[in-house]
């Protein structure tokens, strides 16, 4: 146990808690296609797509993506612009994720001879794969991960066992609670619990939460939890306009600010709130992400997709 981090399971029968959750999950859970595979590539695609994108939008995009590029070899051989355009067409958020996924496929093919590494440490070496995603792929593809700690898991641990709202405490509690050799089902199960029974508005009885008899919040009626910001709406967001810019530039060789602006926003006015300054700021971000190139300065700026 880490120094200074309290033991939140001091009076908890861990075997019973673990068994109850796994039985609940295995009896019934939401059906997502990536839960029916152990292919690390398919799981990586689902994890990258799910970052800041609602799962309801991910299913169709995931299936379409794998139809088009079914293996890392296929993805690595694709033109990056095609992958980025797909990302935008399916409203999957920041396009740099598509770029990183493409680069990760190239790494798999060139550095790993087409075979995925199976540990969180090695998976973290892939482009754009952070500790959370690496651990998720190790868990769901290889049953070889640590406990996943996302916002759903934090909420569950805070409510059920009084875990302090502290990163080290959440990490320790999640790993102590997870049974050895069960990272695939366990991580799916505890995230499912937070997603359907222990959301920001809890549905303990409606979803037959398996931890009701152990849960501090259920017995006290106090369902406060760490402040977890809700995912921002996609409509009208900066992500949406980034996608529109990439799509529009995909149809034209290059466009100046005042040619591009009206094509992505009907209320574009060169000197207005949504004018050249606003547009140039988004274009600069996209250029820094190596998704497009900018020529010229000031009002003479011209944008084109990076090839």
Protein backbone atom coordinates (compact mmCIF):
# COMPACT_ATOMS: atom_id res chain seq x y z
CA UNK A 1 0.00 0.00 0.00
CA UNK A 2 1.31 3.44 -0.91
CA UNK A 3 2.37 5.63 1.99
CA UNK A 4 -0.31 8.14 2.94
CA UNK A 5 -3.06 6.44 0.88
CA UNK A 6 -5.81 4.97 3.08
CA UNK A 7 -7.03 1.39 2.80
CA UNK A 8 -10.65 1.80 1.71
CA UNK A 9 -11.30 -1.96 1.82
CA UNK A 10 -10.39 -2.52 5.47
CA UNK A 11 -13.87 -3.80 6.37
CA UNK A 12 -14.82 -5.16 2.95
CA UNK A 13 -15.07 -8.85 1.99
CA UNK A 14 -13.23 -8.50 -1.31
CA UNK A 15 -13.99 -12.01 -2.58
CA UNK A 16 -17.74 -11.42 -2.27
CA UNK A 17 -17.53 -7.97 -3.88
CA UNK A 18 -15.51 -9.28 -6.82
CA UNK A 19 -17.76 -12.28 -7.37
CA UNK A 20 -20.94 -10.18 -7.26
CA UNK A 21 -19.72 -7.74 -9.93
CA UNK A 22 -18.38 -10.39 -12.31
CA UNK A 23 -21.57 -12.45 -12.05
CA UNK A 24 -23.70 -9.36 -12.73
CA UNK A 25 -21.63 -8.45 -15.78
CA UNK A 26 -21.49 -11.93 -17.25
CA UNK A 27 -25.24 -12.39 -16.91
CA UNK A 28 -26.13 -9.22 -18.81
CA UNK A 29 -24.35 -6.17 -20.21
CA UNK A 30 -24.57 -3.73 -23.06
CA UNK A 31 -23.54 -5.23 -26.36
CA UNK A 32 -20.70 -3.53 -28.20
CA UNK A 33 -18.92 -5.33 -31.05
CA UNK A 34 -15.44 -4.63 -29.65
CA UNK A 35 -16.42 -6.61 -26.56
CA UNK A 36 -16.80 -9.67 -28.77
CA UNK A 37 -13.21 -9.65 -30.04
CA UNK A 38 -9.74 -10.05 -28.60
CA UNK A 39 -8.03 -8.66 -31.72
CA UNK A 40 -5.73 -5.89 -30.40
CA UNK A 41 -6.04 -3.84 -33.59
CA UNK A 42 -9.84 -3.86 -33.47
CA UNK A 43 -9.75 -2.97 -29.77
CA UNK A 44 -7.24 -0.16 -30.32
CA UNK A 45 -9.47 1.34 -33.01
CA UNK A 46 -12.46 1.24 -30.63
CA UNK A 47 -10.50 2.84 -27.81
CA UNK A 48 -9.18 5.66 -29.98
CA UNK A 49 -12.62 6.31 -31.47
CA UNK A 50 -14.25 6.32 -28.03
CA UNK A 51 -12.11 9.18 -26.73
CA UNK A 52 -14.53 12.11 -26.27
CA UNK A 53 -17.01 10.52 -28.66
CA UNK A 54 -20.33 9.03 -27.57
CA UNK A 55 -20.43 5.25 -27.90
CA UNK A 56 -23.63 5.39 -29.92
CA UNK A 57 -21.71 7.15 -32.71
CA UNK A 58 -18.73 4.82 -32.46
CA UNK A 59 -20.33 1.48 -33.41
CA UNK A 60 -21.10 2.29 -37.05
CA UNK A 61 -17.84 4.15 -37.51
CA UNK A 62 -15.85 1.26 -36.01
CA UNK A 63 -17.50 -1.25 -38.33
CA UNK A 64 -17.01 0.98 -41.38
CA UNK A 65 -13.37 1.62 -40.48
CA UNK A 66 -12.57 -2.09 -40.15
CA UNK A 67 -14.42 -2.88 -43.36
CA UNK A 68 -12.16 -0.42 -45.13
CA UNK A 69 -8.91 -1.18 -43.29
CA UNK A 70 -9.30 -4.62 -41.65
CA UNK A 71 -5.66 -4.98 -40.55
CA UNK A 72 -2.76 -2.80 -39.49
CA UNK A 73 -1.13 -3.69 -42.81
CA UNK A 74 -4.11 -2.24 -44.69
CA UNK A 75 -4.17 0.89 -42.54
CA UNK A 76 -0.43 1.46 -42.78
CA UNK A 77 -0.65 1.25 -46.58
CA UNK A 78 -3.46 3.81 -46.76
CA UNK A 79 -2.96 7.50 -47.54
CA UNK A 80 -3.12 9.50 -44.34
CA UNK A 81 -5.46 12.00 -45.96
CA UNK A 82 -7.96 9.18 -46.57
CA UNK A 83 -7.89 8.18 -42.91
CA UNK A 84 -8.29 11.78 -41.75
CA UNK A 85 -11.19 12.31 -44.16
CA UNK A 86 -12.89 9.18 -42.80
CA UNK A 87 -12.51 10.54 -39.26
CA UNK A 88 -14.14 13.80 -40.20
CA UNK A 89 -16.93 12.15 -42.21
CA UNK A 90 -17.90 10.11 -39.12
CA UNK A 91 -17.68 13.04 -36.67
CA UNK A 92 -15.11 11.29 -34.50
CA UNK A 93 -13.57 14.35 -32.91
CA UNK A 94 -10.05 15.67 -33.23
CA UNK A 95 -8.49 14.53 -36.49
CA UNK A 96 -5.04 14.11 -34.98
CA UNK A 97 -6.35 10.84 -33.50
CA UNK A 98 -6.69 9.53 -37.05
CA UNK A 99 -3.14 10.63 -37.80
CA UNK A 100 -1.79 8.90 -34.68
CA UNK A 101 -3.74 5.72 -35.38
CA UNK A 102 -2.28 5.63 -38.89
CA UNK A 103 1.23 6.15 -37.51
CA UNK A 104 0.69 3.43 -34.88
CA UNK A 105 -0.26 1.00 -37.65
CA UNK A 106 2.96 1.89 -39.45
CA UNK A 107 4.91 1.19 -36.25
CA UNK A 108 3.25 -2.20 -35.83
CA UNK A 109 4.20 -3.15 -39.36
CA UNK A 110 7.76 -1.78 -39.37
CA UNK A 111 8.89 -2.13 -35.75
CA UNK A 112 6.93 -5.19 -34.61
CA UNK A 113 6.66 -7.22 -37.83
CA UNK A 114 2.88 -6.89 -37.82
CA UNK A 115 2.39 -8.31 -34.30
CA UNK A 116 1.08 -6.21 -31.42
CA UNK A 117 3.08 -5.95 -28.19
CA UNK A 118 1.01 -7.29 -25.30
CA UNK A 119 2.03 -5.28 -22.23
CA UNK A 120 0.87 -1.79 -21.23
CA UNK A 121 4.48 -0.61 -21.19
CA UNK A 122 5.20 -1.71 -24.75
CA UNK A 123 1.82 -0.58 -26.07
CA UNK A 124 2.56 2.89 -24.70
CA UNK A 125 5.38 3.13 -27.23
CA UNK A 126 2.83 3.30 -30.06
CA UNK A 127 2.09 6.76 -31.45
CA UNK A 128 -0.83 8.45 -29.69
CA UNK A 129 -1.30 5.59 -27.22
CA UNK A 130 -1.27 6.94 -23.68
CA UNK A 131 -1.23 4.93 -20.43
CA UNK A 132 -5.02 4.54 -20.28
CA UNK A 133 -5.39 3.28 -23.86
CA UNK A 134 -2.35 1.02 -23.55
CA UNK A 135 -3.78 -0.54 -20.41
CA UNK A 136 -7.20 -0.96 -22.00
CA UNK A 137 -5.76 -2.77 -25.03
CA UNK A 138 -3.58 -4.97 -22.81
CA UNK A 139 -6.64 -5.82 -20.72
CA UNK A 140 -9.22 -6.44 -23.41
CA UNK A 141 -6.98 -8.05 -26.02
CA UNK A 142 -4.50 -9.97 -23.86
CA UNK A 143 -6.10 -10.11 -20.37
CA UNK A 144 -2.79 -8.65 -19.28
CA UNK A 145 -3.54 -5.20 -17.91
CA UNK A 146 -3.81 -3.33 -14.67
CA UNK A 147 -7.08 -1.91 -13.43
CA UNK A 148 -8.55 0.71 -15.75
CA UNK A 149 -9.32 3.98 -13.98
CA UNK A 150 -11.71 6.20 -15.93
CA UNK A 151 -14.35 8.65 -14.75
CA UNK A 152 -16.92 5.86 -14.34
CA UNK A 153 -14.57 3.81 -12.18
CA UNK A 154 -13.70 6.81 -10.03
CA UNK A 155 -17.37 7.53 -9.45
CA UNK A 156 -18.05 3.93 -8.40
CA UNK A 157 -15.07 3.75 -6.04
CA UNK A 158 -15.91 7.11 -4.46
CA UNK A 159 -19.55 6.24 -3.82
CA UNK A 160 -19.28 2.57 -2.93
CA UNK A 161 -16.18 2.54 -0.76
CA UNK A 162 -15.52 6.16 0.17
CA UNK A 163 -12.32 6.32 -1.88
CA UNK A 164 -10.76 9.80 -1.55
CA UNK A 165 -10.94 12.05 -4.60
CA UNK A 166 -7.25 11.63 -5.28
CA UNK A 167 -5.49 10.13 -8.29
CA UNK A 168 -3.13 7.92 -6.26
CA UNK A 169 -5.97 6.68 -4.06
CA UNK A 170 -8.14 5.79 -7.06
CA UNK A 171 -5.24 3.98 -8.74
CA UNK A 172 -4.42 1.97 -5.64
CA UNK A 173 -8.02 1.11 -4.83
CA UNK A 174 -8.81 0.03 -8.40
CA UNK A 175 -5.79 -2.27 -8.58
CA UNK A 176 -6.38 -3.76 -5.14
CA UNK A 177 -9.99 -4.50 -5.99
CA UNK A 178 -9.32 -6.19 -9.35
CA UNK A 179 -8.89 -9.99 -9.06
CA UNK A 180 -5.65 -11.40 -10.46
CA UNK A 181 -5.85 -12.67 -14.02
CA UNK A 182 -9.26 -11.11 -14.68
CA UNK A 183 -8.40 -7.75 -16.22
CA UNK A 184 -10.49 -8.34 -19.37
CA UNK A 185 -13.83 -9.08 -17.69
CA UNK A 186 -13.15 -7.01 -14.58
CA UNK A 187 -12.35 -3.76 -16.35
CA UNK A 188 -15.33 -4.17 -18.65
CA UNK A 189 -17.54 -4.96 -15.67
CA UNK A 190 -16.61 -2.04 -13.42
CA UNK A 191 -16.85 0.45 -16.31
CA UNK A 192 -20.25 -1.04 -17.18
CA UNK A 193 -21.35 -0.58 -13.58
CA UNK A 194 -20.39 3.08 -13.69
CA UNK A 195 -21.99 3.51 -17.10
CA UNK A 196 -25.43 1.98 -16.47
CA UNK A 197 -26.04 1.71 -12.70
CA UNK A 198 -23.80 4.32 -11.10
CA UNK A 199 -24.00 7.22 -13.51
CA UNK A 200 -24.19 10.82 -12.40
CA UNK A 201 -27.85 10.01 -11.71
CA UNK A 202 -27.67 6.54 -10.11
CA UNK A 203 -30.03 3.72 -11.09
CA UNK A 204 -29.14 1.27 -8.33
CA UNK A 205 -32.38 -0.71 -8.11
CA UNK A 206 -33.43 -0.29 -11.74
CA UNK A 207 -30.13 -1.85 -12.90
CA UNK A 208 -29.89 -4.34 -10.01
CA UNK A 209 -26.53 -2.98 -8.92
CA UNK A 210 -24.58 -5.93 -7.48
CA UNK A 211 -22.88 -3.74 -4.89
CA UNK A 212 -25.95 -2.34 -3.16
CA UNK A 213 -25.33 -4.26 0.04
CA UNK A 214 -21.70 -3.05 0.20
CA UNK A 215 -22.19 0.52 -1.05
CA UNK A 216 -21.78 3.47 1.32
CA UNK A 217 -23.82 5.76 -0.92
CA UNK A 218 -26.71 3.30 -1.26
CA UNK A 219 -27.04 3.00 2.49
CA UNK A 220 -26.52 6.68 3.32
CA UNK A 221 -28.49 8.14 0.40
CA UNK A 222 -25.59 10.51 -0.30
CA UNK A 223 -24.71 10.03 -3.97
CA UNK A 224 -22.33 12.94 -4.31
CA UNK A 225 -19.25 12.16 -6.39
CA UNK A 226 -16.21 13.89 -7.85
CA UNK A 227 -17.11 16.64 -10.27
CA UNK A 228 -16.80 14.92 -13.65
CA UNK A 229 -17.49 17.35 -16.52
CA UNK A 230 -19.98 16.05 -19.06
CA UNK A 231 -18.79 15.54 -22.61
CA UNK A 232 -19.49 18.75 -24.54
CA UNK A 233 -22.07 18.68 -27.29
CA UNK A 234 -20.56 18.04 -30.71
CA UNK A 235 -22.96 20.35 -32.59
CA UNK A 236 -21.36 23.79 -32.90
CA UNK A 237 -18.14 22.69 -31.19
CA UNK A 238 -14.59 23.45 -32.24
CA UNK A 239 -14.21 19.75 -33.11
CA UNK A 240 -17.07 20.04 -35.59
CA UNK A 241 -15.48 22.99 -37.40
CA UNK A 242 -12.10 21.26 -37.52
CA UNK A 243 -13.83 18.39 -39.28
CA UNK A 244 -15.62 20.72 -41.69
CA UNK A 245 -12.34 22.41 -42.59
CA UNK A 246 -10.64 19.10 -43.36
CA UNK A 247 -13.62 17.93 -45.44
CA UNK A 248 -13.80 21.19 -47.38
CA UNK A 249 -10.08 21.31 -48.10
CA UNK A 250 -10.34 17.70 -49.26
CA UNK A 251 -12.58 18.96 -52.09
CA UNK A 252 -10.32 21.88 -53.10
CA UNK A 253 -6.62 22.18 -53.76
CA UNK A 254 -6.34 25.24 -51.53
CA UNK A 255 -8.51 28.04 -50.19
CA UNK A 256 -7.94 31.48 -48.72
CA UNK A 257 -9.57 32.52 -45.46
CA UNK A 258 -12.52 34.30 -47.04
CA UNK A 259 -13.09 31.42 -49.48
CA UNK A 260 -12.96 28.76 -46.75
CA UNK A 261 -14.89 30.62 -44.03
CA UNK A 262 -18.35 30.78 -45.71
CA UNK A 263 -18.06 27.13 -46.73
CA UNK A 264 -17.80 25.94 -43.12
CA UNK A 265 -19.94 28.52 -41.31
CA UNK A 266 -22.98 30.33 -42.70
CA UNK A 267 -22.51 33.29 -40.32
CA UNK A 268 -18.85 33.80 -41.25
CA UNK A 269 -17.96 37.49 -41.52
CA UNK A 270 -14.31 38.41 -42.18
CA UNK A 271 -14.18 40.97 -39.37
CA UNK A 272 -16.85 39.40 -37.13
CA UNK A 273 -16.72 37.20 -34.04
CA UNK A 274 -16.57 34.21 -36.36
CA UNK A 275 -14.26 35.68 -38.95
CA UNK A 276 -10.66 35.58 -40.05
CA UNK A 277 -9.14 35.64 -36.57
CA UNK A 278 -11.40 32.80 -35.36
CA UNK A 279 -10.72 30.75 -38.50
CA UNK A 280 -6.98 31.35 -38.48
CA UNK A 281 -6.80 30.13 -34.88
CA UNK A 282 -8.40 26.80 -35.80
CA UNK A 283 -6.23 26.49 -38.92
CA UNK A 284 -3.11 27.06 -36.82
CA UNK A 285 -4.11 24.20 -34.51
CA UNK A 286 -4.65 21.91 -37.50
CA UNK A 287 -1.28 22.91 -38.96
CA UNK A 288 0.42 22.18 -35.62
CA UNK A 289 -1.22 18.75 -35.72
CA UNK A 290 0.34 18.31 -39.19
CA UNK A 291 -3.06 17.90 -40.84
CA UNK A 292 -2.75 20.90 -43.16
CA UNK A 293 -0.29 23.49 -44.42
CA UNK A 294 -0.58 27.28 -44.30
CA UNK A 295 1.03 29.70 -46.74
CA UNK A 296 1.04 33.47 -46.58
CA UNK A 297 0.39 35.78 -43.66
CA UNK A 298 -2.51 37.68 -42.19
CA UNK A 299 -5.53 38.06 -44.45
CA UNK A 300 -3.57 36.47 -47.33
CA UNK A 301 -3.28 33.10 -45.56
CA UNK A 302 -3.98 30.10 -47.80
CA UNK A 303 -4.73 26.61 -46.42
CA UNK A 304 -4.33 23.18 -48.04
CA UNK A 305 -4.39 19.61 -46.72
CA UNK A 306 -1.02 18.10 -45.90
CA UNK A 307 -0.26 15.23 -48.27
